[in-house]
C-alpha cells in the first residue's frame, strides 16, 4: 500500500520479487485476453521445440548401443511385451536417461519420448500446428493418442481433414472428429490401439489425497462395466440390510472384500506383504507433534498408522500376525542414519547378551560373571528390571567374503533403501537386486557400505550400458551420471531430512573447549 513515501531501494544483490498483481493489474480486459492467447502460443512452441530436441537425442541413442548389454543384458519378458513399437529402434537406456535429464519418473519420460518421436516423424502436420501456436498441448496429445497406431498414410490424411478446424474445437470435439474419420478410413488402427492397450494392461494403486489411494485395473469396456455393476448390486443389498454409510464407501468396501475374501478359508492362504515404517514417537498418542509414518511407501499421518497397527493388533510393537514379522530399525537420532535392523529377540540379545541361565536357582549373575553363567535371552531375567543391560549392542551386519550378500546384509539394505536407488525409480526393495557399487570382481567388498538396491533394469544399465557412471559415496548417497553428462544424487530414504534437535545430554558429553581455558 502506498503511504506517500517512496519504496525502499533494495541493496545490491537482493532479488526483486514480482507479484502476480504487479503483472496483470494495469492491463485492460483486451490486453489480458491477448496475454492469455500469447502464453498458450508460447507454451505450444516450447513444447514443439522440446519434442524436436528429445527426438534428436533419441536418434543418437540407437538400438545399436544395446549390443553392449550382451546376452546377459536383455530385457525380461514383461519388459519386452510392454515395450512400445515407437521405441523399437531406440536404446533401452534412453528412457532412463531422459528421466534423469528431466528429473521425472520413467513412465513420464517414456510417454514424452513416444510423443516426441511421433510428432517429428508420423505427425509432422500436428507438430507444425503446435509450433505455430494454432493448437495447444492438450489437442496435440489427443492427436498423438489417437493417431499413434495409424499408418503414416492414414495419419497424414486425417491431419489434412481435421487440423484446419482444430483451433476452434474443444479437446472432446477434436477427439470425436478424429475417431469418426479414423473409423471410416482405417478401422484396423482402432482395433490395433485396443489390442495394444490390452497388451499393456495391469494393476496398480495411485495415491490420491488424505492417505487414500485408487486401485486401478485395466479391463475391457464390457469387463469393467460388469465388475462395477456387480459391486453396485452387492452394495445395494448391504444398504437394504440397513448399512447407512455413503454408497460410495459401501462399494469400495465390497470391492476390497471381493478381492481379499476374508471369509473364504477353503483356498490356499495368500499372505499380503505390507511394509510399515514408523518412528517410535509416532506410535504414542500422547506425543504433542508426532512425526509422519509410511505405509507401502506412501506418507501418512501418525494417527492413520496407529489405526492400522491397532487393526493388526501390533500397536506397541507386539508379536506380528500369522505369516508376518516385526523388525525394528535403529537409527542415529542426530543424523537419521540407519544403524541396525533387528527382531525382538535380537533386540534382547543386543541389550542383555546371549548368556545361559544360571544352573543354581535363585542366583543372579553380575556383569563380571563368565559367559557360561549369564542368563539366556528370553528367560526369566528378561522381565527382571534390575538386570543390567550389558549386551554387545547392535551394529550393521559384518562384511562377508562371498559374492552373495548374507541374509542380515540383505535385510539391512532393503530396510535402508526401501526401493530402487536409481533417481526417480520407486520399485520396492523386495523386487530389486542387492548390487555391489564397486563390482565384486573388481575387489568390491560384500559389505553394507558397498551394497544398494537396484531393480533389474537399472542393475543391467549400471553393469553393461556404455557411458553410465554409478558411485556410492561414503555417506550413503548414490551418484548417477548419464552419457549426456547429467548427474543426480539420491539418499537412502531412511535418513531423515529434518534431523531432530540435539538431545540434552549431547552437550554434557562433548569434549571441553580448549580455547575457552
Protein backbone atom coordinates (compact mmCIF):
# COMPACT_ATOMS: atom_id res chain seq x y z
CA UNK A 1 0.00 0.00 0.00
CA UNK A 2 1.37 3.45 -0.99
CA UNK A 3 1.60 5.79 2.02
CA UNK A 4 3.23 8.76 0.33
CA UNK A 5 6.79 7.51 0.97
CA UNK A 6 8.85 6.07 -1.90
CA UNK A 7 9.55 2.35 -1.63
CA UNK A 8 12.94 1.46 -0.17
CA UNK A 9 15.72 0.79 -2.63
CA UNK A 10 16.92 -2.81 -2.36
CA UNK A 11 20.54 -3.45 -1.54
CA UNK A 12 22.91 -4.77 -4.16
CA UNK A 13 22.42 -8.50 -4.63
CA UNK A 14 18.90 -8.64 -3.13
CA UNK A 15 16.42 -10.31 -5.51
CA UNK A 16 13.41 -8.28 -6.61
CA UNK A 17 10.33 -10.49 -6.46
CA UNK A 18 7.49 -9.85 -8.89
CA UNK A 19 3.94 -10.42 -7.74
CA UNK A 20 1.01 -11.52 -9.94
CA UNK A 21 -0.86 -8.32 -9.18
CA UNK A 22 2.06 -6.24 -10.43
CA UNK A 23 1.96 -8.01 -13.80
CA UNK A 24 -1.78 -8.07 -14.53
CA UNK A 25 -3.25 -5.13 -12.60
CA UNK A 26 -2.56 -2.24 -15.02
CA UNK A 27 -3.81 -4.11 -18.14
CA UNK A 28 -7.21 -3.77 -19.80
CA UNK A 29 -9.54 -6.69 -20.47
CA UNK A 30 -8.43 -6.94 -24.10
CA UNK A 31 -4.78 -6.91 -23.09
CA UNK A 32 -5.40 -9.66 -20.52
CA UNK A 33 -7.08 -11.80 -23.19
CA UNK A 34 -4.17 -11.18 -25.55
CA UNK A 35 -1.70 -12.24 -22.85
CA UNK A 36 -3.62 -15.49 -22.29
CA UNK A 37 -3.50 -16.29 -26.02
CA UNK A 38 0.17 -15.34 -26.22
CA UNK A 39 1.03 -17.54 -23.23
CA UNK A 40 -0.74 -20.52 -24.84
CA UNK A 41 1.13 -19.91 -28.10
CA UNK A 42 4.48 -19.68 -26.30
CA UNK A 43 3.77 -22.88 -24.38
CA UNK A 44 2.87 -24.68 -27.61
CA UNK A 45 6.08 -23.53 -29.31
CA UNK A 46 8.22 -24.52 -26.33
CA UNK A 47 6.66 -28.00 -26.27
CA UNK A 48 7.27 -28.38 -30.01
CA UNK A 49 10.90 -27.34 -29.58
CA UNK A 50 11.31 -29.79 -26.71
CA UNK A 51 9.85 -32.59 -28.85
CA UNK A 52 12.39 -31.86 -31.60
CA UNK A 53 15.26 -31.97 -29.09
CA UNK A 54 14.04 -35.18 -27.45
CA UNK A 55 13.64 -36.88 -30.83
CA UNK A 56 17.12 -35.76 -31.91
CA UNK A 57 18.66 -37.21 -28.74
CA UNK A 58 16.69 -40.43 -29.27
CA UNK A 59 18.16 -40.81 -32.77
CA UNK A 60 21.63 -40.61 -31.27
CA UNK A 61 20.75 -43.40 -28.81
CA UNK A 62 20.04 -46.00 -31.46
CA UNK A 63 19.34 -49.64 -30.73
CA UNK A 64 22.95 -50.42 -31.71
CA UNK A 65 24.07 -49.22 -28.27
CA UNK A 66 22.26 -52.15 -26.65
CA UNK A 67 24.79 -54.56 -28.13
CA UNK A 68 26.96 -53.61 -25.16
CA UNK A 69 24.48 -55.44 -22.95
CA UNK A 70 25.46 -58.80 -24.47
CA UNK A 71 23.34 -61.88 -23.81
CA UNK A 72 23.05 -61.27 -20.07
CA UNK A 73 21.68 -57.77 -20.58
CA UNK A 74 18.44 -58.48 -22.43
CA UNK A 75 15.14 -57.17 -21.04
CA UNK A 76 12.75 -59.56 -19.32
CA UNK A 77 9.53 -60.97 -20.72
CA UNK A 78 7.28 -58.32 -19.18
CA UNK A 79 9.52 -55.51 -20.42
CA UNK A 80 9.51 -56.91 -23.96
CA UNK A 81 5.73 -57.29 -24.00
CA UNK A 82 5.12 -53.77 -22.69
CA UNK A 83 7.62 -52.04 -24.95
CA UNK A 84 6.08 -49.53 -27.34
CA UNK A 85 6.79 -50.19 -31.02
CA UNK A 86 7.64 -46.48 -31.39
CA UNK A 87 10.76 -47.10 -29.28
CA UNK A 88 11.79 -50.24 -31.15
CA UNK A 89 14.80 -48.53 -32.74
CA UNK A 90 15.88 -46.66 -29.61
CA UNK A 91 18.25 -47.94 -26.95
CA UNK A 92 16.62 -49.28 -23.81
CA UNK A 93 18.70 -46.87 -21.76
CA UNK A 94 17.26 -43.78 -23.44
CA UNK A 95 14.07 -43.64 -21.35
CA UNK A 96 16.13 -43.88 -18.16
CA UNK A 97 18.48 -41.16 -19.38
CA UNK A 98 15.57 -38.90 -20.32
CA UNK A 99 14.04 -39.40 -16.88
CA UNK A 100 17.36 -38.37 -15.34
CA UNK A 101 17.59 -35.30 -17.58
CA UNK A 102 14.08 -34.10 -16.68
CA UNK A 103 14.15 -35.39 -13.09
CA UNK A 104 10.87 -37.26 -13.57
CA UNK A 105 9.61 -40.84 -13.44
CA UNK A 106 10.49 -43.27 -16.21
CA UNK A 107 6.83 -43.64 -17.11
CA UNK A 108 6.57 -39.91 -17.76
CA UNK A 109 9.83 -39.99 -19.71
CA UNK A 110 8.60 -42.91 -21.82
CA UNK A 111 5.40 -41.07 -22.75
CA UNK A 112 7.39 -37.96 -23.65
CA UNK A 113 9.78 -39.97 -25.82
CA UNK A 114 6.91 -41.66 -27.69
CA UNK A 115 5.14 -38.32 -28.15
CA UNK A 116 8.27 -36.59 -29.44
CA UNK A 117 9.17 -39.32 -31.92
CA UNK A 118 5.63 -39.47 -33.32
CA UNK A 119 5.41 -35.70 -33.68
CA UNK A 120 8.67 -35.48 -35.62
CA UNK A 121 8.02 -38.49 -37.88
CA UNK A 122 4.45 -39.58 -38.49
CA UNK A 123 2.59 -36.48 -37.27
CA UNK A 124 4.60 -33.64 -38.73
CA UNK A 125 1.41 -31.71 -39.53
CA UNK A 126 0.44 -31.75 -35.87
CA UNK A 127 3.95 -30.62 -34.91
CA UNK A 128 3.73 -27.70 -37.35
CA UNK A 129 0.38 -26.55 -35.96
CA UNK A 130 1.74 -26.85 -32.43
CA UNK A 131 4.88 -24.88 -33.28
CA UNK A 132 2.76 -22.15 -34.89
CA UNK A 133 0.59 -21.94 -31.77
CA UNK A 134 -2.67 -22.78 -33.58
CA UNK A 135 -3.33 -25.80 -31.33
CA UNK A 136 -2.48 -26.18 -27.67
CA UNK A 137 -0.71 -29.01 -25.89
CA UNK A 138 -3.91 -30.84 -24.90
CA UNK A 139 -5.12 -31.01 -28.50
CA UNK A 140 -1.71 -32.17 -29.65
CA UNK A 141 -1.75 -35.03 -27.16
CA UNK A 142 -5.23 -36.04 -28.31
CA UNK A 143 -3.89 -36.31 -31.88
CA UNK A 144 -0.88 -38.33 -30.73
CA UNK A 145 -3.03 -40.62 -28.62
CA UNK A 146 -5.48 -41.42 -31.42
CA UNK A 147 -3.21 -41.43 -34.48
CA UNK A 148 -0.16 -43.10 -32.94
CA UNK A 149 -1.14 -46.65 -34.05
CA UNK A 150 -2.35 -45.50 -37.51
CA UNK A 151 -0.24 -45.88 -40.63
CA UNK A 152 1.64 -42.79 -41.84
CA UNK A 153 -0.61 -42.51 -44.90
CA UNK A 154 -3.82 -42.61 -42.84
CA UNK A 155 -2.40 -40.25 -40.19
CA UNK A 156 -1.49 -37.68 -42.84
CA UNK A 157 -4.94 -37.91 -44.44
CA UNK A 158 -6.70 -37.38 -41.10
CA UNK A 159 -4.43 -34.45 -40.22
CA UNK A 160 -5.35 -32.77 -43.51
CA UNK A 161 -9.05 -33.16 -42.73
CA UNK A 162 -9.09 -32.27 -39.04
CA UNK A 163 -6.30 -29.78 -38.35
CA UNK A 164 -7.70 -26.81 -40.33
CA UNK A 165 -10.62 -26.57 -37.87
CA UNK A 166 -8.83 -27.86 -34.75
CA UNK A 167 -8.15 -24.34 -33.47
CA UNK A 168 -11.89 -23.76 -32.98
CA UNK A 169 -12.72 -27.15 -31.45
CA UNK A 170 -12.57 -28.31 -27.86
CA UNK A 171 -10.46 -31.34 -26.99
CA UNK A 172 -13.55 -33.55 -26.71
CA UNK A 173 -14.86 -32.36 -30.09
CA UNK A 174 -11.46 -32.92 -31.68
CA UNK A 175 -11.27 -36.46 -30.31
CA UNK A 176 -14.76 -37.28 -31.57
CA UNK A 177 -13.96 -35.97 -35.07
CA UNK A 178 -10.69 -37.87 -35.27
CA UNK A 179 -12.37 -41.10 -34.15
CA UNK A 180 -15.10 -40.69 -36.73
CA UNK A 181 -12.67 -40.15 -39.59
CA UNK A 182 -10.35 -42.88 -38.33
CA UNK A 183 -13.19 -45.42 -38.15
CA UNK A 184 -14.05 -44.56 -41.76
CA UNK A 185 -10.53 -44.64 -43.20
CA UNK A 186 -8.80 -47.29 -41.10
CA UNK A 187 -10.82 -49.24 -38.58
CA UNK A 188 -7.88 -51.61 -38.17
CA UNK A 189 -5.94 -48.84 -36.44
CA UNK A 190 -8.61 -48.55 -33.74
CA UNK A 191 -8.57 -52.32 -33.22
CA UNK A 192 -4.78 -52.23 -33.10
CA UNK A 193 -4.91 -49.49 -30.49
CA UNK A 194 -7.34 -51.53 -28.40
CA UNK A 195 -5.11 -54.63 -28.68
CA UNK A 196 -2.09 -52.53 -27.67
CA UNK A 197 -3.94 -51.25 -24.62
CA UNK A 198 -4.93 -54.82 -23.68
CA UNK A 199 -1.30 -55.92 -24.02
CA UNK A 200 -0.18 -53.21 -21.62
CA UNK A 201 -2.94 -53.87 -19.06
CA UNK A 202 -2.02 -54.11 -15.43
CA UNK A 203 -3.00 -53.43 -11.83
CA UNK A 204 -1.60 -50.63 -9.70
CA UNK A 205 -2.57 -48.24 -6.94
CA UNK A 206 -2.23 -44.49 -7.19
CA UNK A 207 -2.25 -42.25 -4.11
CA UNK A 208 -4.88 -39.54 -4.29
CA UNK A 209 -5.11 -37.41 -1.16
CA UNK A 210 -5.51 -37.55 2.61
CA UNK A 211 -3.95 -41.01 2.94
CA UNK A 212 -6.21 -42.63 0.32
CA UNK A 213 -5.31 -44.48 -2.89
CA UNK A 214 -7.12 -45.61 -6.01
CA UNK A 215 -6.89 -49.22 -7.16
CA UNK A 216 -6.56 -49.08 -10.96
CA UNK A 217 -7.32 -52.20 -13.00
CA UNK A 218 -7.12 -52.13 -16.80
CA UNK A 219 -10.05 -54.12 -18.21
CA UNK A 220 -12.10 -54.20 -21.37
CA UNK A 221 -15.16 -51.95 -21.55
CA UNK A 222 -17.50 -54.90 -21.04
CA UNK A 223 -15.45 -56.42 -18.23
CA UNK A 224 -15.15 -53.14 -16.33
CA UNK A 225 -18.88 -52.44 -16.69
CA UNK A 226 -19.73 -55.93 -15.43
CA UNK A 227 -17.45 -55.53 -12.38
CA UNK A 228 -18.91 -52.14 -11.48
CA UNK A 229 -22.46 -53.44 -11.83
CA UNK A 230 -21.76 -56.49 -9.64
CA UNK A 231 -20.17 -54.31 -6.96
CA UNK A 232 -23.15 -51.95 -7.08
CA UNK A 233 -25.61 -54.81 -6.62
CA UNK A 234 -23.76 -56.12 -3.57
CA UNK A 235 -23.66 -52.58 -2.17
CA UNK A 236 -27.40 -52.18 -2.72
CA UNK A 237 -28.00 -55.39 -0.77
CA UNK A 238 -26.00 -54.03 2.16
CA UNK A 239 -27.87 -50.74 2.01
CA UNK A 240 -31.17 -52.68 2.06
CA UNK A 241 -29.96 -54.52 5.17
CA UNK A 242 -29.52 -51.22 7.00
CA UNK A 243 -25.97 -50.09 6.17
CA UNK A 244 -26.13 -46.29 6.44
CA UNK A 245 -22.67 -45.48 5.12
CA UNK A 246 -22.44 -43.47 1.88
CA UNK A 247 -23.00 -45.70 -1.11
CA UNK A 248 -19.52 -44.99 -2.47
CA UNK A 249 -17.93 -46.16 0.79
CA UNK A 250 -20.01 -49.35 0.69
CA UNK A 251 -18.96 -50.07 -2.88
CA UNK A 252 -15.28 -49.57 -2.04
CA UNK A 253 -15.55 -51.96 0.94
CA UNK A 254 -17.36 -54.54 -1.22
CA UNK A 255 -14.63 -54.40 -3.88
CA UNK A 256 -11.90 -54.89 -1.26
CA UNK A 257 -13.70 -57.86 0.30
CA UNK A 258 -14.30 -59.49 -3.09
CA UNK A 259 -10.55 -59.38 -3.79
CA UNK A 260 -9.21 -60.30 -0.36
CA UNK A 261 -12.10 -62.71 0.50
CA UNK A 262 -11.50 -62.73 4.27
CA UNK A 263 -14.34 -65.23 4.81
CA UNK A 264 -13.03 -67.90 2.41
CA UNK A 265 -10.85 -70.47 4.18
CA UNK A 266 -11.13 -73.18 1.51
CA UNK A 267 -8.44 -71.76 -0.75
CA UNK A 268 -4.67 -71.75 -0.17
CA UNK A 269 -3.78 -68.75 2.00
CA UNK A 270 -2.12 -65.77 0.36
CA UNK A 271 -0.11 -63.52 2.67
CA UNK A 272 -0.06 -59.90 1.58
CA UNK A 273 3.14 -58.02 2.38
CA UNK A 274 2.59 -54.60 3.91
CA UNK A 275 5.65 -52.54 4.78
CA UNK A 276 5.14 -50.02 7.58
CA UNK A 277 7.89 -47.57 8.55
CA UNK A 278 7.07 -45.60 11.66
CA UNK A 279 9.28 -43.93 14.29
CA UNK A 280 8.53 -44.93 17.85
CA UNK A 281 7.36 -41.42 18.70
CA UNK A 282 4.62 -41.81 16.07
CA UNK A 283 3.14 -44.79 17.95
CA UNK A 284 2.32 -42.76 21.03
CA UNK A 285 -0.93 -40.83 21.06
CA UNK A 286 0.49 -38.55 23.76
CA UNK A 287 3.18 -37.08 21.51
CA UNK A 288 2.47 -33.35 21.01
CA UNK A 289 3.78 -33.28 17.41
CA UNK A 290 4.20 -36.87 16.18
CA UNK A 291 6.27 -37.39 13.02
CA UNK A 292 4.65 -38.96 9.94
CA UNK A 293 4.94 -42.61 9.00
CA UNK A 294 4.98 -44.60 5.78
CA UNK A 295 2.62 -47.36 4.64
CA UNK A 296 3.55 -49.13 1.40
CA UNK A 297 5.91 -46.27 0.58
CA UNK A 298 3.31 -43.51 0.98
CA UNK A 299 3.48 -40.86 3.70
CA UNK A 300 0.60 -40.99 6.19
CA UNK A 301 -0.09 -39.32 9.49
CA UNK A 302 0.85 -40.93 12.78
CA UNK A 303 -2.84 -41.34 13.66
CA UNK A 304 -3.54 -43.33 10.48
CA UNK A 305 -0.53 -45.54 11.16
CA UNK A 306 -1.74 -46.22 14.72
CA UNK A 307 -5.20 -47.13 13.43
CA UNK A 308 -3.72 -49.73 11.09
CA UNK A 309 -1.47 -51.19 13.78
CA UNK A 310 -4.46 -51.41 16.12
CA UNK A 311 -6.37 -53.36 13.46
CA UNK A 312 -3.42 -55.75 13.16
CA UNK A 313 -3.10 -55.92 16.97
CA UNK A 314 0.50 -54.75 16.69
CA UNK A 315 0.41 -51.37 18.40
CA UNK A 316 3.26 -51.26 20.88
CA UNK A 317 5.42 -53.49 18.61
CA UNK A 318 3.91 -56.69 19.91
CA UNK A 319 4.01 -60.03 18.14
CA UNK A 320 3.32 -59.92 14.41
CA UNK A 321 0.22 -61.52 12.87
CA UNK A 322 0.39 -65.00 11.39
CA UNK A 323 2.74 -65.04 8.41
CA UNK A 324 4.21 -61.61 9.25
CA UNK A 325 7.21 -60.30 11.11
CA UNK A 326 8.25 -57.23 13.08
CA UNK A 327 11.65 -55.67 12.53
CA UNK A 328 12.86 -52.64 14.42
CA UNK A 329 15.15 -50.22 12.61
CA UNK A 330 17.57 -48.41 14.91
CA UNK A 331 18.70 -45.02 13.60
CA UNK A 332 21.04 -42.30 14.76
CA UNK A 333 18.83 -39.66 16.49
CA UNK A 334 21.00 -36.82 15.18
CA UNK A 335 21.81 -37.78 11.59
CA UNK A 336 18.96 -40.23 10.96
CA UNK A 337 21.43 -42.78 9.57
CA UNK A 338 20.38 -46.42 9.89
CA UNK A 339 22.46 -48.27 12.48
CA UNK A 340 20.88 -51.71 12.70
CA UNK A 341 17.77 -53.74 11.91
CA UNK A 342 16.72 -56.30 14.49
CA UNK A 343 13.88 -58.56 15.50
CA UNK A 344 12.56 -58.54 19.06
CA UNK A 345 14.82 -61.43 20.05
CA UNK A 346 17.83 -59.70 18.51
CA UNK A 347 16.98 -56.59 20.49
CA UNK A 348 17.06 -58.66 23.70
CA UNK A 349 20.37 -60.25 22.78
CA UNK A 350 21.84 -56.85 21.91
CA UNK A 351 20.79 -55.43 25.27
CA UNK A 352 21.34 -58.39 27.62
CA UNK A 353 23.66 -60.73 25.74
CA UNK A 354 23.20 -64.41 24.97
CA UNK A 355 24.40 -65.90 28.28
CA UNK A 356 22.83 -69.07 29.56
CA UNK A 357 20.62 -69.15 32.58
CA UNK A 358 22.43 -69.94 35.80
CA UNK A 359 22.20 -73.56 36.86
CA UNK A 360 21.78 -72.62 40.51
CA UNK A 361 18.23 -71.47 41.23
CA UNK A 362 17.95 -68.01 42.67
CA UNK A 363 21.49 -67.00 41.71
CA UNK A 364 21.69 -63.70 39.83
CA UNK A 365 24.87 -63.30 37.78
CA UNK A 366 26.64 -59.96 37.76
CA UNK A 367 28.33 -58.16 34.90
CA UNK A 368 31.59 -59.86 35.85
CA UNK A 369 30.12 -63.37 35.64
CA UNK A 370 31.62 -65.62 32.98
CA UNK A 371 29.60 -66.02 29.77
CA UNK A 372 28.50 -69.53 30.67
CA UNK A 373 26.74 -68.30 33.84
CA UNK A 374 24.72 -65.49 32.27
CA UNK A 375 21.02 -65.96 31.65
CA UNK A 376 19.68 -66.76 28.22
CA UNK A 377 17.73 -64.09 26.33
CA UNK A 378 14.04 -64.70 26.66
CA UNK A 379 14.41 -66.27 30.11
CA UNK A 380 13.05 -65.08 33.44
CA UNK A 381 15.65 -62.30 33.63
CA UNK A 382 14.10 -60.57 30.59
CA UNK A 383 11.37 -59.48 32.97
CA UNK A 384 13.76 -58.51 35.76
CA UNK A 385 14.03 -54.70 35.95
CA UNK A 386 17.28 -54.98 37.95
CA UNK A 387 19.08 -56.99 35.32
CA UNK A 388 22.00 -54.94 33.91
CA UNK A 389 21.94 -54.16 30.17
CA UNK A 390 25.46 -55.36 29.42
CA UNK A 391 24.88 -56.86 25.99
CA UNK A 392 27.07 -56.36 22.91
CA UNK A 393 24.71 -53.77 21.40
CA UNK A 394 23.58 -53.50 17.79
CA UNK A 395 25.51 -52.62 14.67
CA UNK A 396 25.31 -53.19 10.88
CA UNK A 397 25.91 -56.76 9.69
CA UNK A 398 29.60 -57.63 9.27
CA UNK A 399 31.18 -57.91 5.81
CA UNK A 400 31.10 -61.24 4.00
CA UNK A 401 33.81 -62.94 1.96
CA UNK A 402 31.35 -64.38 -0.53
CA UNK A 403 29.75 -62.79 -3.57
CA UNK A 404 26.12 -63.07 -2.48
CA UNK A 405 25.06 -60.86 0.44
CA UNK A 406 24.12 -62.64 3.63
CA UNK A 407 20.54 -62.60 4.88
CA UNK A 408 21.28 -59.91 7.52
CA UNK A 409 23.00 -57.77 4.87
CA UNK A 410 20.06 -58.11 2.52
CA UNK A 411 17.61 -57.26 5.29
CA UNK A 412 19.63 -54.21 6.35
CA UNK A 413 19.99 -52.93 2.77
CA UNK A 414 16.31 -53.37 1.93
CA UNK A 415 15.18 -51.56 5.08
CA UNK A 416 17.67 -48.75 4.50
CA UNK A 417 16.88 -48.21 0.79
CA UNK A 418 13.18 -49.28 0.74
CA UNK A 419 13.12 -49.10 -3.06
CA UNK A 420 15.42 -48.93 -6.07
CA UNK A 421 18.07 -46.26 -5.50
CA UNK A 422 18.01 -45.07 -9.13
CA UNK A 423 16.74 -41.47 -9.19
CA UNK A 424 13.02 -41.46 -9.92
CA UNK A 425 12.51 -45.22 -9.57
CA UNK A 426 10.04 -46.47 -6.96
CA UNK A 427 10.22 -50.24 -7.45
CA UNK A 428 10.06 -51.72 -3.98
CA UNK A 429 13.09 -53.33 -2.44
CA UNK A 430 11.57 -56.81 -2.46
CA UNK A 431 11.71 -56.78 -6.28
CA UNK A 432 15.24 -55.36 -6.51
CA UNK A 433 18.70 -56.86 -6.71
CA UNK A 434 21.26 -56.22 -3.97
CA UNK A 435 24.07 -54.84 -6.10
CA UNK A 436 27.73 -54.11 -5.40
CA UNK A 437 28.56 -50.44 -6.03
CA UNK A 438 32.16 -51.48 -6.74
CA UNK A 439 31.92 -54.79 -8.56
CA UNK A 440 32.93 -57.85 -6.57
CA UNK A 441 35.15 -58.92 -9.46
CA UNK A 442 37.00 -55.59 -9.16
CA UNK A 443 37.67 -56.02 -5.47
CA UNK A 444 34.45 -54.54 -4.11
CA UNK A 445 33.56 -55.80 -0.66
CA UNK A 446 30.31 -57.57 0.16
CA UNK A 447 29.53 -55.06 2.91
CA UNK A 448 26.54 -52.85 3.57
CA UNK A 449 28.50 -49.70 2.73
CA UNK A 450 29.15 -51.16 -0.76
CA UNK A 451 25.63 -52.52 -1.38
CA UNK A 452 22.47 -50.84 -2.60
CA UNK A 453 19.08 -51.82 -4.05
CA UNK A 454 18.73 -51.61 -7.84
CA UNK A 455 15.87 -53.04 -9.86
CA UNK A 456 16.82 -55.47 -12.60
CA UNK A 457 16.58 -52.87 -15.37
CA UNK A 458 18.82 -50.32 -13.66
CA UNK A 459 21.14 -53.07 -12.49
CA UNK A 460 21.72 -54.04 -16.13
CA UNK A 461 22.25 -50.40 -17.12
CA UNK A 462 24.86 -49.97 -14.38
CA UNK A 463 26.66 -53.17 -15.34
CA UNK A 464 26.55 -53.17 -19.13
CA UNK A 465 25.50 -49.77 -20.53
CA UNK A 466 28.14 -47.56 -22.12
CA UNK A 467 28.78 -44.09 -20.72
CA UNK A 468 26.89 -44.51 -17.43
CA UNK A 469 28.57 -43.98 -14.06
CA UNK A 470 27.32 -45.14 -10.67
CA UNK A 471 29.17 -44.20 -7.49
CA UNK A 472 28.10 -44.97 -3.94
CA UNK A 473 29.57 -42.28 -1.71
CA UNK A 474 30.84 -42.83 1.82
CA UNK A 475 27.84 -41.07 3.40
CA UNK A 476 25.35 -43.39 1.64
CA UNK A 477 24.41 -41.15 -1.28
CA UNK A 478 24.29 -42.70 -4.76
CA UNK A 479 25.65 -40.55 -7.60
CA UNK A 480 24.42 -41.45 -11.10
CA UNK A 481 25.74 -39.75 -14.24
CA UNK A 482 24.23 -40.22 -17.71
CA UNK A 483 26.17 -40.38 -21.00
CA UNK A 484 24.96 -36.82 -21.71
CA UNK A 485 26.65 -35.55 -18.53
CA UNK A 486 23.60 -35.08 -16.28
CA UNK A 487 24.17 -36.12 -12.66
CA UNK A 488 21.58 -36.91 -10.00
CA UNK A 489 22.04 -37.92 -6.37
CA UNK A 490 19.72 -39.99 -4.21
CA UNK A 491 19.81 -40.51 -0.45
CA UNK A 492 18.65 -43.56 1.45
CA UNK A 493 15.05 -42.73 2.43
CA UNK A 494 15.71 -43.99 5.96
CA UNK A 495 17.87 -40.89 6.51
CA UNK A 496 15.84 -38.07 7.94
CA UNK A 497 15.64 -34.79 6.04
CA UNK A 498 14.82 -32.84 9.21
CA UNK A 499 17.19 -34.04 11.95
CA UNK A 500 15.86 -33.99 15.45
CA UNK A 501 17.36 -31.40 17.80
CA UNK A 502 20.37 -32.45 19.81
CA UNK A 503 19.41 -34.33 22.98
CA UNK A 504 20.17 -32.51 26.24
CA UNK A 505 22.89 -34.97 27.19
CA UNK A 506 24.86 -34.40 23.98
CA UNK A 507 26.41 -31.15 25.21
CA UNK A 508 27.39 -32.78 28.51
CA UNK A 509 29.35 -35.49 26.69
CA UNK A 510 31.08 -33.07 24.31
CA UNK A 511 34.81 -32.58 24.95
CA UNK A 512 35.90 -29.39 26.70
CA UNK A 513 36.73 -26.40 24.56
CA UNK A 514 40.48 -25.79 24.95
CA UNK A 515 40.26 -22.26 23.55
CA UNK A 516 37.98 -21.21 26.43
CA UNK A 517 40.65 -22.03 29.02
